[in-house]
Amino acid sequence: MPDTPIYKIIFFSMGQIYEVYARHIYQSDLYGFIEIEELVFGERSQMLVDPSEERLKSEFEGVSRSYIPLHAVARIDEVAKEGIGKISEAKEGNIAPFPMPAFTPKGTD
């Protein structure tokens, strides 16, 4: 494993499934969010360009930190090295939000 871990984060946003790689991930001070920092994109060692990764790079260009709602996160893995990030369309039934609220308001029991 490298000195600095790399995390693969899969989350759902606006009808799409995002798979991104980041060096830092932690619980945010904003209730119900996680923060991801230092997004990692695959190095281009070939002439071949992956359009889905390019789309992801352009969407996160200039972003130093991203806040993701906890209920949108499908999976977080610590990996040995970064892979190819991508955005794919969410098909009906392959991902859904959690069915219960994150907290119960006071006074309702």
C-alpha atoms as a PDB file:
ATOM      1  CA  MET A   1       0.000   0.000   0.000  1.00  0.00           C
ATOM      2  CA  PRO A   2       1.245   3.535  -0.694  1.00  0.00           C
ATOM      3  CA  ASP A   3       2.160   5.952   2.126  1.00  0.00           C
ATOM      4  CA  THR A   4      -0.885   8.085   1.363  1.00  0.00           C
ATOM      5  CA  PRO A   5      -3.999   5.947   0.918  1.00  0.00           C
ATOM      6  CA  ILE A   6      -6.251   6.371  -2.102  1.00  0.00           C
ATOM      7  CA  TYR A   7      -9.999   5.964  -1.784  1.00  0.00           C
ATOM      8  CA  LYS A   8     -12.521   4.983  -4.430  1.00  0.00           C
ATOM      9  CA  ILE A   9     -15.867   6.677  -3.779  1.00  0.00           C
ATOM     10  CA  ILE A  10     -19.020   5.646  -5.619  1.00  0.00           C
ATOM     11  CA  PHE A  11     -22.001   7.953  -5.230  1.00  0.00           C
ATOM     12  CA  PHE A  12     -25.284   8.826  -6.899  1.00  0.00           C
ATOM     13  CA  SER A  13     -26.015  12.359  -8.139  1.00  0.00           C
ATOM     14  CA  MET A  14     -28.612  13.778 -10.542  1.00  0.00           C
ATOM     15  CA  GLY A  15     -29.508  10.399 -12.065  1.00  0.00           C
ATOM     16  CA  GLN A  16     -25.895   9.368 -12.595  1.00  0.00           C
ATOM     17  CA  ILE A  17     -23.396   7.157 -10.784  1.00  0.00           C
ATOM     18  CA  TYR A  18     -20.012   8.759 -10.119  1.00  0.00           C
ATOM     19  CA  GLU A  19     -16.860   6.780  -9.421  1.00  0.00           C
ATOM     20  CA  VAL A  20     -14.024   9.034  -8.243  1.00  0.00           C
ATOM     21  CA  TYR A  21     -10.647   8.555  -6.578  1.00  0.00           C
ATOM     22  CA  ALA A  22      -9.384  10.846  -3.808  1.00  0.00           C
ATOM     23  CA  ARG A  23      -6.491  11.020  -1.363  1.00  0.00           C
ATOM     24  CA  HIS A  24      -8.503  12.368   1.598  1.00  0.00           C
ATOM     25  CA  ILE A  25     -12.022  11.621   2.775  1.00  0.00           C
ATOM     26  CA  TYR A  26     -13.628  12.437   6.086  1.00  0.00           C
ATOM     27  CA  GLN A  27     -16.853  13.382   7.842  1.00  0.00           C
ATOM     28  CA  SER A  28     -17.734  17.006   7.213  1.00  0.00           C
ATOM     29  CA  ASP A  29     -18.619  19.666   9.745  1.00  0.00           C
ATOM     30  CA  LEU A  30     -21.748  20.086   7.623  1.00  0.00           C
ATOM     31  CA  TYR A  31     -24.173  17.569   9.114  1.00  0.00           C
ATOM     32  CA  GLY A  32     -24.913  14.642   6.799  1.00  0.00           C
ATOM     33  CA  PHE A  33     -22.037  15.185   4.358  1.00  0.00           C
ATOM     34  CA  ILE A  34     -18.622  13.685   3.709  1.00  0.00           C
ATOM     35  CA  GLU A  35     -15.745  15.716   2.299  1.00  0.00           C
ATOM     36  CA  ILE A  36     -13.418  14.473  -0.385  1.00  0.00           C
ATOM     37  CA  GLU A  37     -10.168  16.276  -1.216  1.00  0.00           C
ATOM     38  CA  GLU A  38      -7.358  15.882  -3.726  1.00  0.00           C
ATOM     39  CA  LEU A  39      -9.193  14.066  -6.472  1.00  0.00           C
ATOM     40  CA  VAL A  40      -6.895  11.713  -8.380  1.00  0.00           C
ATOM     41  CA  PHE A  41      -7.196  11.086 -12.094  1.00  0.00           C
ATOM     42  CA  GLY A  42      -5.321   8.432 -14.080  1.00  0.00           C
ATOM     43  CA  GLU A  43      -2.134   9.566 -15.736  1.00  0.00           C
ATOM     44  CA  ARG A  44      -2.161   9.615 -19.504  1.00  0.00           C
ATOM     45  CA  SER A  45       0.604   7.342 -20.677  1.00  0.00           C
ATOM     46  CA  GLN A  46      -1.091   6.529 -23.976  1.00  0.00           C
ATOM     47  CA  MET A  47      -2.614   8.391 -26.873  1.00  0.00           C
ATOM     48  CA  LEU A  48      -5.996   6.865 -26.031  1.00  0.00           C
ATOM     49  CA  VAL A  49      -8.428   9.231 -24.284  1.00  0.00           C
ATOM     50  CA  ASP A  50     -11.343   7.888 -22.239  1.00  0.00           C
ATOM     51  CA  PRO A  51     -14.360  10.183 -22.811  1.00  0.00           C
ATOM     52  CA  SER A  52     -16.018   9.299 -19.482  1.00  0.00           C
ATOM     53  CA  GLU A  53     -12.880  10.203 -17.525  1.00  0.00           C
ATOM     54  CA  GLU A  54     -12.490  13.432 -19.507  1.00  0.00           C
ATOM     55  CA  ARG A  55     -16.086  14.336 -18.659  1.00  0.00           C
ATOM     56  CA  LEU A  56     -15.358  13.687 -14.983  1.00  0.00           C
ATOM     57  CA  LYS A  57     -12.173  15.790 -15.113  1.00  0.00           C
ATOM     58  CA  SER A  58     -13.980  18.717 -16.699  1.00  0.00           C
ATOM     59  CA  GLU A  59     -16.808  18.538 -14.134  1.00  0.00           C
ATOM     60  CA  PHE A  60     -14.379  18.614 -11.186  1.00  0.00           C
ATOM     61  CA  GLU A  61     -11.882  21.033 -12.749  1.00  0.00           C
ATOM     62  CA  GLY A  62     -10.849  23.655 -10.215  1.00  0.00           C
ATOM     63  CA  VAL A  63     -12.574  21.837  -7.317  1.00  0.00           C
ATOM     64  CA  SER A  64     -10.349  21.535  -4.255  1.00  0.00           C
ATOM     65  CA  ARG A  65     -12.961  19.961  -1.960  1.00  0.00           C
ATOM     66  CA  SER A  66     -16.317  18.340  -2.642  1.00  0.00           C
ATOM     67  CA  TYR A  67     -19.154  17.736  -0.176  1.00  0.00           C
ATOM     68  CA  ILE A  68     -21.253  14.633  -0.840  1.00  0.00           C
ATOM     69  CA  PRO A  69     -24.478  13.829   1.026  1.00  0.00           C
ATOM     70  CA  LEU A  70     -24.130  10.636   3.088  1.00  0.00           C
ATOM     71  CA  HIS A  71     -27.346   9.200   1.675  1.00  0.00           C
ATOM     72  CA  ALA A  72     -25.914   9.469  -1.864  1.00  0.00           C
ATOM     73  CA  VAL A  73     -22.811   7.361  -1.102  1.00  0.00           C
ATOM     74  CA  ALA A  74     -23.049   3.773  -2.295  1.00  0.00           C
ATOM     75  CA  ARG A  75     -19.536   2.600  -1.409  1.00  0.00           C
ATOM     76  CA  ILE A  76     -16.096   3.753  -0.227  1.00  0.00           C
ATOM     77  CA  ASP A  77     -13.013   1.541  -0.698  1.00  0.00           C
ATOM     78  CA  GLU A  78      -9.355   2.072   0.189  1.00  0.00           C
ATOM     79  CA  VAL A  79      -7.391   0.925  -2.868  1.00  0.00           C
ATOM     80  CA  ALA A  80      -3.725   0.325  -3.675  1.00  0.00           C
ATOM     81  CA  LYS A  81      -3.690   2.697  -6.680  1.00  0.00           C
ATOM     82  CA  GLU A  82      -6.082   4.899  -8.580  1.00  0.00           C
ATOM     83  CA  GLY A  83      -8.177   3.540 -11.378  1.00  0.00           C
ATOM     84  CA  ILE A  84     -10.140   5.240 -14.086  1.00  0.00           C
ATOM     85  CA  GLY A  85     -12.882   7.455 -12.715  1.00  0.00           C
ATOM     86  CA  LYS A  86     -16.155   7.552 -14.590  1.00  0.00           C
ATOM     87  CA  ILE A  87     -19.699   8.824 -14.748  1.00  0.00           C
ATOM     88  CA  SER A  88     -22.377   6.394 -15.858  1.00  0.00           C
ATOM     89  CA  GLU A  89     -26.127   6.588 -16.204  1.00  0.00           C
ATOM     90  CA  ALA A  90     -28.065   5.054 -13.311  1.00  0.00           C
ATOM     91  CA  LYS A  91     -30.414   2.437 -14.663  1.00  0.00           C
ATOM     92  CA  GLU A  92     -33.742   1.868 -12.958  1.00  0.00           C
ATOM     93  CA  GLY A  93     -33.262  -0.390  -9.952  1.00  0.00           C
ATOM     94  CA  ASN A  94     -29.456  -0.566  -9.748  1.00  0.00           C
ATOM     95  CA  ILE A  95     -29.104   2.087  -7.022  1.00  0.00           C
ATOM     96  CA  ALA A  96     -31.560   3.709  -4.632  1.00  0.00           C
ATOM     97  CA  PRO A  97     -31.365   6.072  -1.664  1.00  0.00           C
ATOM     98  CA  PHE A  98     -31.748   4.754   1.869  1.00  0.00           C
ATOM     99  CA  PRO A  99     -35.457   4.451   2.744  1.00  0.00           C
ATOM    100  CA  MET A 100     -35.301   6.130   6.177  1.00  0.00           C
ATOM    101  CA  PRO A 101     -34.358   9.662   7.288  1.00  0.00           C
ATOM    102  CA  ALA A 102     -30.883  10.349   8.671  1.00  0.00           C
ATOM    103  CA  PHE A 103     -32.326  11.700  11.950  1.00  0.00           C
ATOM    104  CA  THR A 104     -35.617  11.871  13.820  1.00  0.00           C
ATOM    105  CA  PRO A 105     -36.849  15.371  14.702  1.00  0.00           C
ATOM    106  CA  LYS A 106     -37.364  16.070  18.423  1.00  0.00           C
ATOM    107  CA  GLY A 107     -40.855  15.596  19.760  1.00  0.00           C
ATOM    108  CA  THR A 108     -41.782  12.730  17.440  1.00  0.00           C
ATOM    109  CA  ASP A 109     -41.535   9.306  19.036  1.00  0.00           C
END
